[in-house]
Amino acid sequence: MSSLFDRYYSDINKNYIFDIACKIIKDEYNIDVSQDKYFNDIYITNLDEAFKNTDTDNITLLNRNLLYLQINSYKSHNQKNNINDNKISLILNGANRIIEDNDSIYNFKIISPSGDYTLNNLIIPEENNILFSNPLIIVTINDSDIYLKLLSSYNLNSRTFLEYVPIDKQEIVLKNTTEVIIKNSLNTSVEKNGLMSISKVHEDYIEVPDNIYKSGDSIKINNEIFNIKNILNNKDVFLDNIKEYELKVDDKILNISESPILIFKITN
């Protein structure tokens, strides 16, 4: 029986994931990147990065993380070019984090364009946990602690979103892979798994036991976006466009609406 290393680095597997990544970029941007030098070069790097940083013996999880790395590398590359050209903000959405076995929406890694930035805003949905025990929180970005205070809040659908701003502006260095940890004012972190699985599929709803979703949330399943119309008994999740897609048991669900968003300004 071949090893995980041999199966992962086989030409069949490498070409398979590369082709999927090309198709996703083609569908989203209408650009053929199959011959793009950056896209090909970064794929070689991401192959090793995913294998090195994914603690698993499951090739499916390895391939999924490789795909996340590849897609987000390309998006970050484009975004960095836009920043350099137009001086726009950099937005890192926790929904695009690298999914690991110990997934947490408050402690994650994400692909980002490297460089010097300042954190401008943090937008995060309010939850019933110790993170929100007072108006001060701490965000650690690549070992740099940034203290933020609550600026405003607003309601959208069934959630309350909080906006935090840094008390003092400070320059931070983003790497190709940036680590973000969101903590309370006592420097205590909270673990909250943001990845769930479908347990059963019905004609107009899916079963996700013990979910904490809210009506109006946007979720991602197999890179498709769904809107939650209603939830019953913290289990039955009704989706607005479920009949257009083939969902199956054990498909992973990522809740976009509960993911934090960090907004940066480039440092000139």
C-alpha atoms as a PDB file:
ATOM      1  CA  MET A   1       0.000   0.000   0.000  1.00  0.00           C
ATOM      2  CA  SER A   2       1.441   3.374  -0.978  1.00  0.00           C
ATOM      3  CA  SER A   3       2.254   5.951   1.697  1.00  0.00           C
ATOM      4  CA  LEU A   4       0.376   9.211   2.231  1.00  0.00           C
ATOM      5  CA  PHE A   5       3.426  11.065   0.905  1.00  0.00           C
ATOM      6  CA  ASP A   6       3.454   9.015  -2.315  1.00  0.00           C
ATOM      7  CA  ARG A   7      -0.277   9.436  -2.901  1.00  0.00           C
ATOM      8  CA  TYR A   8      -0.229  13.164  -2.133  1.00  0.00           C
ATOM      9  CA  TYR A   9       2.769  13.937  -4.354  1.00  0.00           C
ATOM     10  CA  SER A  10       1.695  11.655  -7.193  1.00  0.00           C
ATOM     11  CA  ASP A  11       1.210  13.325 -10.580  1.00  0.00           C
ATOM     12  CA  ILE A  12      -2.428  12.208 -10.590  1.00  0.00           C
ATOM     13  CA  ASN A  13      -3.208  13.930  -7.272  1.00  0.00           C
ATOM     14  CA  LYS A  14      -1.150  17.073  -7.998  1.00  0.00           C
ATOM     15  CA  ASN A  15      -2.769  17.546 -11.411  1.00  0.00           C
ATOM     16  CA  TYR A  16      -6.227  16.843  -9.989  1.00  0.00           C
ATOM     17  CA  ILE A  17      -6.041  19.576  -7.320  1.00  0.00           C
ATOM     18  CA  PHE A  18      -4.341  22.001  -9.713  1.00  0.00           C
ATOM     19  CA  ASP A  19      -7.142  21.537 -12.263  1.00  0.00           C
ATOM     20  CA  ILE A  20      -9.788  22.136  -9.586  1.00  0.00           C
ATOM     21  CA  ALA A  21      -8.030  25.339  -8.509  1.00  0.00           C
ATOM     22  CA  CYS A  22      -7.870  26.539 -12.124  1.00  0.00           C
ATOM     23  CA  LYS A  23     -11.583  25.839 -12.565  1.00  0.00           C
ATOM     24  CA  ILE A  24     -12.508  27.795  -9.417  1.00  0.00           C
ATOM     25  CA  ILE A  25     -10.487  30.827 -10.570  1.00  0.00           C
ATOM     26  CA  LYS A  26     -11.970  30.521 -14.067  1.00  0.00           C
ATOM     27  CA  ASP A  27     -15.517  30.429 -12.669  1.00  0.00           C
ATOM     28  CA  GLU A  28     -14.949  33.375 -10.310  1.00  0.00           C
ATOM     29  CA  TYR A  29     -12.732  35.684 -12.387  1.00  0.00           C
ATOM     30  CA  ASN A  30     -13.206  34.360 -15.924  1.00  0.00           C
ATOM     31  CA  ILE A  31      -9.414  34.041 -16.179  1.00  0.00           C
ATOM     32  CA  ASP A  32      -7.483  31.005 -17.373  1.00  0.00           C
ATOM     33  CA  VAL A  33      -4.560  30.642 -14.935  1.00  0.00           C
ATOM     34  CA  SER A  34      -3.406  27.207 -16.072  1.00  0.00           C
ATOM     35  CA  GLN A  35      -0.381  28.764 -17.807  1.00  0.00           C
ATOM     36  CA  ASP A  36       0.054  31.680 -15.390  1.00  0.00           C
ATOM     37  CA  LYS A  37       3.637  31.718 -14.040  1.00  0.00           C
ATOM     38  CA  TYR A  38       2.718  32.959 -10.555  1.00  0.00           C
ATOM     39  CA  PHE A  39      -0.118  30.444 -10.242  1.00  0.00           C
ATOM     40  CA  ASN A  40       2.160  27.560 -11.261  1.00  0.00           C
ATOM     41  CA  ASP A  41       5.101  28.676  -9.121  1.00  0.00           C
ATOM     42  CA  ILE A  42       3.032  29.218  -5.975  1.00  0.00           C
ATOM     43  CA  TYR A  43       1.407  25.806  -6.438  1.00  0.00           C
ATOM     44  CA  ILE A  44       4.777  24.111  -5.925  1.00  0.00           C
ATOM     45  CA  THR A  45       5.274  26.117  -2.733  1.00  0.00           C
ATOM     46  CA  ASN A  46       1.746  25.413  -1.504  1.00  0.00           C
ATOM     47  CA  LEU A  47       2.159  21.685  -2.104  1.00  0.00           C
ATOM     48  CA  ASP A  48       4.948  21.574   0.469  1.00  0.00           C
ATOM     49  CA  GLU A  49       3.289  24.131   2.757  1.00  0.00           C
ATOM     50  CA  ALA A  50       0.070  22.120   3.037  1.00  0.00           C
ATOM     51  CA  PHE A  51       1.901  18.851   3.635  1.00  0.00           C
ATOM     52  CA  LYS A  52       4.205  20.400   6.249  1.00  0.00           C
ATOM     53  CA  ASN A  53       1.526  22.261   8.239  1.00  0.00           C
ATOM     54  CA  THR A  54      -1.400  19.815   8.098  1.00  0.00           C
ATOM     55  CA  ASP A  55      -1.192  17.277  10.913  1.00  0.00           C
ATOM     56  CA  THR A  56      -3.275  14.468   9.450  1.00  0.00           C
ATOM     57  CA  ASP A  57      -3.094  11.120   7.713  1.00  0.00           C
ATOM     58  CA  ASN A  58      -6.191  11.953   5.668  1.00  0.00           C
ATOM     59  CA  ILE A  59      -5.376  12.851   2.050  1.00  0.00           C
ATOM     60  CA  THR A  60      -8.783  14.501   1.631  1.00  0.00           C
ATOM     61  CA  LEU A  61      -7.979  17.025   4.363  1.00  0.00           C
ATOM     62  CA  LEU A  62      -4.517  17.549   2.885  1.00  0.00           C
ATOM     63  CA  ASN A  63      -5.983  18.242  -0.543  1.00  0.00           C
ATOM     64  CA  ARG A  64      -8.601  20.578   0.897  1.00  0.00           C
ATOM     65  CA  ASN A  65      -5.966  22.665   2.661  1.00  0.00           C
ATOM     66  CA  LEU A  66      -3.827  22.698  -0.479  1.00  0.00           C
ATOM     67  CA  LEU A  67      -6.826  23.979  -2.434  1.00  0.00           C
ATOM     68  CA  TYR A  68      -7.499  26.702   0.168  1.00  0.00           C
ATOM     69  CA  LEU A  69      -3.863  27.764   0.045  1.00  0.00           C
ATOM     70  CA  GLN A  70      -3.791  27.895  -3.748  1.00  0.00           C
ATOM     71  CA  ILE A  71      -7.030  29.835  -4.190  1.00  0.00           C
ATOM     72  CA  ASN A  72      -6.260  32.303  -1.406  1.00  0.00           C
ATOM     73  CA  SER A  73      -2.695  32.786  -2.663  1.00  0.00           C
ATOM     74  CA  TYR A  74      -4.071  33.877  -6.006  1.00  0.00           C
ATOM     75  CA  LYS A  75      -6.703  36.133  -4.447  1.00  0.00           C
ATOM     76  CA  SER A  76      -4.116  37.730  -2.156  1.00  0.00           C
ATOM     77  CA  HIS A  77      -1.740  38.205  -5.096  1.00  0.00           C
ATOM     78  CA  ASN A  78      -4.444  40.065  -7.025  1.00  0.00           C
ATOM     79  CA  GLN A  79      -5.454  42.036  -3.950  1.00  0.00           C
ATOM     80  CA  LYS A  80      -1.867  43.096  -3.268  1.00  0.00           C
ATOM     81  CA  ASN A  81      -1.577  44.369  -6.840  1.00  0.00           C
ATOM     82  CA  ASN A  82      -4.765  46.370  -6.336  1.00  0.00           C
ATOM     83  CA  ILE A  83      -3.390  47.801  -3.096  1.00  0.00           C
ATOM     84  CA  ASN A  84      -0.189  48.900  -4.773  1.00  0.00           C
ATOM     85  CA  ASP A  85      -2.115  50.422  -7.677  1.00  0.00           C
ATOM     86  CA  ASN A  86      -5.050  51.990  -5.882  1.00  0.00           C
ATOM     87  CA  LYS A  87      -4.012  52.265  -2.207  1.00  0.00           C
ATOM     88  CA  ILE A  88      -7.168  50.438  -1.109  1.00  0.00           C
ATOM     89  CA  SER A  89      -7.603  48.589   2.154  1.00  0.00           C
ATOM     90  CA  LEU A  90      -6.669  44.976   2.657  1.00  0.00           C
ATOM     91  CA  ILE A  91      -9.530  42.868   3.969  1.00  0.00           C
ATOM     92  CA  LEU A  92      -8.900  39.486   5.576  1.00  0.00           C
ATOM     93  CA  ASN A  93     -12.099  37.532   6.123  1.00  0.00           C
ATOM     94  CA  GLY A  94     -11.928  34.733   8.674  1.00  0.00           C
ATOM     95  CA  ALA A  95     -14.192  32.717   6.397  1.00  0.00           C
ATOM     96  CA  ASN A  96     -11.154  32.288   4.112  1.00  0.00           C
ATOM     97  CA  ARG A  97      -8.954  30.894   6.894  1.00  0.00           C
ATOM     98  CA  ILE A  98      -6.903  27.755   6.424  1.00  0.00           C
ATOM     99  CA  ILE A  99      -9.047  24.912   7.755  1.00  0.00           C
ATOM    100  CA  GLU A 100      -7.163  22.685  10.186  1.00  0.00           C
ATOM    101  CA  ASP A 101      -8.161  19.746  12.401  1.00  0.00           C
ATOM    102  CA  ASN A 102      -8.412  22.070  15.420  1.00  0.00           C
ATOM    103  CA  ASP A 103     -10.361  24.728  13.535  1.00  0.00           C
ATOM    104  CA  SER A 104     -11.303  27.846  15.511  1.00  0.00           C
ATOM    105  CA  ILE A 105     -12.881  31.090  14.319  1.00  0.00           C
ATOM    106  CA  TYR A 106     -10.922  32.996  16.990  1.00  0.00           C
ATOM    107  CA  ASN A 107      -7.530  31.372  16.370  1.00  0.00           C
ATOM    108  CA  PHE A 108      -6.608  30.745  12.765  1.00  0.00           C
ATOM    109  CA  LYS A 109      -4.118  31.106   9.942  1.00  0.00           C
ATOM    110  CA  ILE A 110      -4.935  32.856   6.692  1.00  0.00           C
ATOM    111  CA  ILE A 111      -3.157  33.550   3.423  1.00  0.00           C
ATOM    112  CA  SER A 112      -2.224  37.228   3.126  1.00  0.00           C
ATOM    113  CA  PRO A 113       0.004  39.447   0.997  1.00  0.00           C
ATOM    114  CA  SER A 114       3.240  40.033   2.892  1.00  0.00           C
ATOM    115  CA  GLY A 115       4.184  43.569   3.860  1.00  0.00           C
ATOM    116  CA  ASP A 116       3.797  46.309   6.461  1.00  0.00           C
ATOM    117  CA  TYR A 117       0.258  47.261   7.494  1.00  0.00           C
ATOM    118  CA  THR A 118      -1.764  48.836  10.274  1.00  0.00           C
ATOM    119  CA  LEU A 119      -4.963  47.266  11.552  1.00  0.00           C
ATOM    120  CA  ASN A 120      -7.808  49.714  10.977  1.00  0.00           C
ATOM    121  CA  ASN A 121     -10.960  47.840  12.038  1.00  0.00           C
ATOM    122  CA  LEU A 122     -12.149  44.505  13.347  1.00  0.00           C
ATOM    123  CA  ILE A 123     -15.747  43.474  12.697  1.00  0.00           C
ATOM    124  CA  ILE A 124     -16.951  40.454  14.604  1.00  0.00           C
ATOM    125  CA  PRO A 125     -20.386  39.021  15.512  1.00  0.00           C
ATOM    126  CA  GLU A 126     -21.243  39.191  19.191  1.00  0.00           C
ATOM    127  CA  GLU A 127     -21.414  35.834  20.979  1.00  0.00           C
ATOM    128  CA  ASN A 128     -22.242  34.733  24.507  1.00  0.00           C
ATOM    129  CA  ASN A 129     -18.685  34.054  25.649  1.00  0.00           C
ATOM    130  CA  ILE A 130     -15.878  35.695  27.628  1.00  0.00           C
ATOM    131  CA  LEU A 131     -14.469  37.528  24.608  1.00  0.00           C
ATOM    132  CA  PHE A 132     -17.230  40.091  24.956  1.00  0.00           C
ATOM    133  CA  SER A 133     -17.218  40.548  28.731  1.00  0.00           C
ATOM    134  CA  ASN A 134     -16.141  44.195  28.326  1.00  0.00           C
ATOM    135  CA  PRO A 135     -15.450  46.713  25.522  1.00  0.00           C
ATOM    136  CA  LEU A 136     -11.735  45.857  25.221  1.00  0.00           C
ATOM    137  CA  ILE A 137     -10.261  42.932  23.295  1.00  0.00           C
ATOM    138  CA  ILE A 138      -6.786  41.930  22.152  1.00  0.00           C
ATOM    139  CA  VAL A 139      -5.872  40.739  18.674  1.00  0.00           C
ATOM    140  CA  THR A 140      -2.534  38.990  18.280  1.00  0.00           C
ATOM    141  CA  ILE A 141      -1.233  39.044  14.717  1.00  0.00           C
ATOM    142  CA  ASN A 142       1.988  37.122  14.160  1.00  0.00           C
ATOM    143  CA  ASP A 143       2.953  37.576  17.851  1.00  0.00           C
ATOM    144  CA  SER A 144       2.155  41.325  17.894  1.00  0.00           C
ATOM    145  CA  ASP A 145      -0.545  42.266  20.439  1.00  0.00           C
ATOM    146  CA  ILE A 146      -2.984  44.981  19.380  1.00  0.00           C
ATOM    147  CA  TYR A 147      -5.453  46.419  21.914  1.00  0.00           C
ATOM    148  CA  LEU A 148      -8.826  47.410  20.501  1.00  0.00           C
ATOM    149  CA  LYS A 149     -11.836  49.184  21.964  1.00  0.00           C
ATOM    150  CA  LEU A 150     -15.470  48.866  20.973  1.00  0.00           C
ATOM    151  CA  LEU A 151     -16.517  51.644  18.595  1.00  0.00           C
ATOM    152  CA  SER A 152     -20.014  50.715  17.447  1.00  0.00           C
ATOM    153  CA  SER A 153     -22.502  47.916  16.942  1.00  0.00           C
ATOM    154  CA  TYR A 154     -25.214  47.229  14.423  1.00  0.00           C
ATOM    155  CA  ASN A 155     -27.829  44.574  13.797  1.00  0.00           C
ATOM    156  CA  LEU A 156     -28.051  42.607  10.575  1.00  0.00           C
ATOM    157  CA  ASN A 157     -30.508  39.763  10.090  1.00  0.00           C
ATOM    158  CA  SER A 158     -30.443  37.893  13.423  1.00  0.00           C
ATOM    159  CA  ARG A 159     -26.957  38.923  14.529  1.00  0.00           C
ATOM    160  CA  THR A 160     -25.341  41.855  16.283  1.00  0.00           C
ATOM    161  CA  PHE A 161     -22.003  42.848  14.759  1.00  0.00           C
ATOM    162  CA  LEU A 162     -19.420  44.750  16.790  1.00  0.00           C
ATOM    163  CA  GLU A 163     -16.822  47.095  15.332  1.00  0.00           C
ATOM    164  CA  TYR A 164     -13.527  47.530  17.181  1.00  0.00           C
ATOM    165  CA  VAL A 165     -10.696  49.971  16.458  1.00  0.00           C
ATOM    166  CA  PRO A 166      -7.108  49.949  17.784  1.00  0.00           C
ATOM    167  CA  ILE A 167      -6.374  52.183  20.770  1.00  0.00           C
ATOM    168  CA  ASP A 168      -2.976  52.968  19.255  1.00  0.00           C
ATOM    169  CA  LYS A 169      -2.065  52.550  15.604  1.00  0.00           C
ATOM    170  CA  GLN A 170       0.948  50.325  15.214  1.00  0.00           C
ATOM    171  CA  GLU A 171       2.739  48.869  12.242  1.00  0.00           C
ATOM    172  CA  ILE A 172       2.570  45.109  11.924  1.00  0.00           C
ATOM    173  CA  VAL A 173       4.145  42.719   9.482  1.00  0.00           C
ATOM    174  CA  LEU A 174       1.923  40.332   7.556  1.00  0.00           C
ATOM    175  CA  LYS A 175       3.468  37.173   6.167  1.00  0.00           C
ATOM    176  CA  ASN A 176       2.338  34.946   3.310  1.00  0.00           C
ATOM    177  CA  THR A 177       0.600  32.949   6.026  1.00  0.00           C
ATOM    178  CA  THR A 178      -0.615  35.179   8.870  1.00  0.00           C
ATOM    179  CA  GLU A 179      -1.733  33.879  12.272  1.00  0.00           C
ATOM    180  CA  VAL A 180      -4.591  35.666  14.041  1.00  0.00           C
ATOM    181  CA  ILE A 181      -5.676  35.101  17.656  1.00  0.00           C
ATOM    182  CA  ILE A 182      -8.593  37.059  19.138  1.00  0.00           C
ATOM    183  CA  LYS A 183      -8.592  37.260  22.953  1.00  0.00           C
ATOM    184  CA  ASN A 184     -10.412  39.029  25.752  1.00  0.00           C
ATOM    185  CA  SER A 185      -9.008  41.879  27.834  1.00  0.00           C
ATOM    186  CA  LEU A 186      -7.332  39.400  30.211  1.00  0.00           C
ATOM    187  CA  ASN A 187      -5.390  37.931  27.289  1.00  0.00           C
ATOM    188  CA  THR A 188      -7.442  34.728  27.422  1.00  0.00           C
ATOM    189  CA  SER A 189      -8.244  32.985  24.169  1.00  0.00           C
ATOM    190  CA  VAL A 190     -11.468  31.162  23.286  1.00  0.00           C
ATOM    191  CA  GLU A 191     -11.762  28.116  21.068  1.00  0.00           C
ATOM    192  CA  LYS A 192     -14.851  27.867  18.906  1.00  0.00           C
ATOM    193  CA  ASN A 193     -15.014  25.372  16.066  1.00  0.00           C
ATOM    194  CA  GLY A 194     -16.611  27.047  13.078  1.00  0.00           C
ATOM    195  CA  LEU A 195     -16.713  23.917  10.914  1.00  0.00           C
ATOM    196  CA  MET A 196     -19.686  21.550  11.081  1.00  0.00           C
ATOM    197  CA  SER A 197     -20.958  18.624   9.007  1.00  0.00           C
ATOM    198  CA  ILE A 198     -24.227  17.612   7.393  1.00  0.00           C
ATOM    199  CA  SER A 199     -25.733  14.566   9.115  1.00  0.00           C
ATOM    200  CA  LYS A 200     -28.727  14.125   6.793  1.00  0.00           C
ATOM    201  CA  VAL A 201     -30.080  15.697   3.590  1.00  0.00           C
ATOM    202  CA  HIS A 202     -33.782  16.298   2.863  1.00  0.00           C
ATOM    203  CA  GLU A 203     -35.565  17.880  -0.069  1.00  0.00           C
ATOM    204  CA  ASP A 204     -35.640  21.395   1.372  1.00  0.00           C
ATOM    205  CA  TYR A 205     -33.406  21.252   4.444  1.00  0.00           C
ATOM    206  CA  ILE A 206     -30.328  19.620   5.929  1.00  0.00           C
ATOM    207  CA  GLU A 207     -29.755  18.272   9.410  1.00  0.00           C
ATOM    208  CA  VAL A 208     -26.851  19.722  11.392  1.00  0.00           C
ATOM    209  CA  PRO A 209     -27.156  18.542  15.021  1.00  0.00           C
ATOM    210  CA  ASP A 210     -26.476  21.061  17.796  1.00  0.00           C
ATOM    211  CA  ASN A 211     -25.805  23.905  15.415  1.00  0.00           C
ATOM    212  CA  ILE A 212     -25.786  27.497  16.661  1.00  0.00           C
ATOM    213  CA  TYR A 213     -26.630  29.071  13.331  1.00  0.00           C
ATOM    214  CA  LYS A 214     -29.075  31.945  12.991  1.00  0.00           C
ATOM    215  CA  SER A 215     -31.693  32.731  10.372  1.00  0.00           C
ATOM    216  CA  GLY A 216     -30.145  34.967   7.734  1.00  0.00           C
ATOM    217  CA  ASP A 217     -26.644  33.516   8.114  1.00  0.00           C
ATOM    218  CA  SER A 218     -24.623  32.865   4.969  1.00  0.00           C
ATOM    219  CA  ILE A 219     -22.852  29.506   4.923  1.00  0.00           C
ATOM    220  CA  LYS A 220     -20.432  27.863   2.506  1.00  0.00           C
ATOM    221  CA  ILE A 221     -20.694  24.221   1.473  1.00  0.00           C
ATOM    222  CA  ASN A 222     -18.412  22.828  -1.253  1.00  0.00           C
ATOM    223  CA  ASN A 223     -17.460  26.416  -2.196  1.00  0.00           C
ATOM    224  CA  GLU A 224     -21.126  27.270  -2.815  1.00  0.00           C
ATOM    225  CA  ILE A 225     -22.878  29.993  -0.799  1.00  0.00           C
ATOM    226  CA  PHE A 226     -26.260  29.340   0.823  1.00  0.00           C
ATOM    227  CA  ASN A 227     -28.550  31.578   2.858  1.00  0.00           C
ATOM    228  CA  ILE A 228     -30.283  30.111   5.914  1.00  0.00           C
ATOM    229  CA  LYS A 229     -34.014  30.758   5.780  1.00  0.00           C
ATOM    230  CA  ASN A 230     -34.992  29.095   9.034  1.00  0.00           C
ATOM    231  CA  ILE A 231     -33.747  26.759  11.769  1.00  0.00           C
ATOM    232  CA  LEU A 232     -35.774  24.327  13.891  1.00  0.00           C
ATOM    233  CA  ASN A 233     -34.622  22.659  17.114  1.00  0.00           C
ATOM    234  CA  ASN A 234     -30.987  23.647  16.532  1.00  0.00           C
ATOM    235  CA  LYS A 235     -30.863  20.840  13.992  1.00  0.00           C
ATOM    236  CA  ASP A 236     -32.996  21.336  10.865  1.00  0.00           C
ATOM    237  CA  VAL A 237     -31.471  24.024   8.632  1.00  0.00           C
ATOM    238  CA  PHE A 238     -33.620  25.303   5.757  1.00  0.00           C
ATOM    239  CA  LEU A 239     -31.671  26.790   2.835  1.00  0.00           C
ATOM    240  CA  ASP A 240     -32.986  29.117   0.155  1.00  0.00           C
ATOM    241  CA  ASN A 241     -31.406  27.395  -2.868  1.00  0.00           C
ATOM    242  CA  ILE A 242     -30.820  23.840  -1.705  1.00  0.00           C
ATOM    243  CA  LYS A 243     -32.535  22.219  -4.712  1.00  0.00           C
ATOM    244  CA  GLU A 244     -29.967  23.679  -7.110  1.00  0.00           C
ATOM    245  CA  TYR A 245     -27.102  21.649  -5.630  1.00  0.00           C
ATOM    246  CA  GLU A 246     -26.286  18.085  -4.704  1.00  0.00           C
ATOM    247  CA  LEU A 247     -25.438  18.021  -1.022  1.00  0.00           C
ATOM    248  CA  LYS A 248     -24.483  14.873   0.834  1.00  0.00           C
ATOM    249  CA  VAL A 249     -23.867  13.561   4.326  1.00  0.00           C
ATOM    250  CA  ASP A 250     -20.534  14.641   5.874  1.00  0.00           C
ATOM    251  CA  ASP A 251     -20.174  17.688   3.607  1.00  0.00           C
ATOM    252  CA  LYS A 252     -18.426  20.384   5.641  1.00  0.00           C
ATOM    253  CA  ILE A 253     -20.181  23.671   6.467  1.00  0.00           C
ATOM    254  CA  LEU A 254     -18.386  26.942   7.119  1.00  0.00           C
ATOM    255  CA  ASN A 255     -20.471  29.779   8.556  1.00  0.00           C
ATOM    256  CA  ILE A 256     -19.425  32.990   6.827  1.00  0.00           C
ATOM    257  CA  SER A 257     -21.588  35.197   9.047  1.00  0.00           C
ATOM    258  CA  GLU A 258     -19.847  34.239  12.303  1.00  0.00           C
ATOM    259  CA  SER A 259     -16.340  34.784  10.922  1.00  0.00           C
ATOM    260  CA  PRO A 260     -14.377  37.898  11.977  1.00  0.00           C
ATOM    261  CA  ILE A 261     -13.238  40.450   9.385  1.00  0.00           C
ATOM    262  CA  LEU A 262      -9.992  42.396   9.736  1.00  0.00           C
ATOM    263  CA  ILE A 263      -9.445  45.565   7.704  1.00  0.00           C
ATOM    264  CA  PHE A 264      -5.904  46.857   7.210  1.00  0.00           C
ATOM    265  CA  LYS A 265      -4.267  49.911   5.694  1.00  0.00           C
ATOM    266  CA  ILE A 266      -1.022  49.554   3.806  1.00  0.00           C
ATOM    267  CA  THR A 267       1.915  51.381   5.381  1.00  0.00           C
ATOM    268  CA  ASN A 268       3.646  53.651   2.898  1.00  0.00           C
END
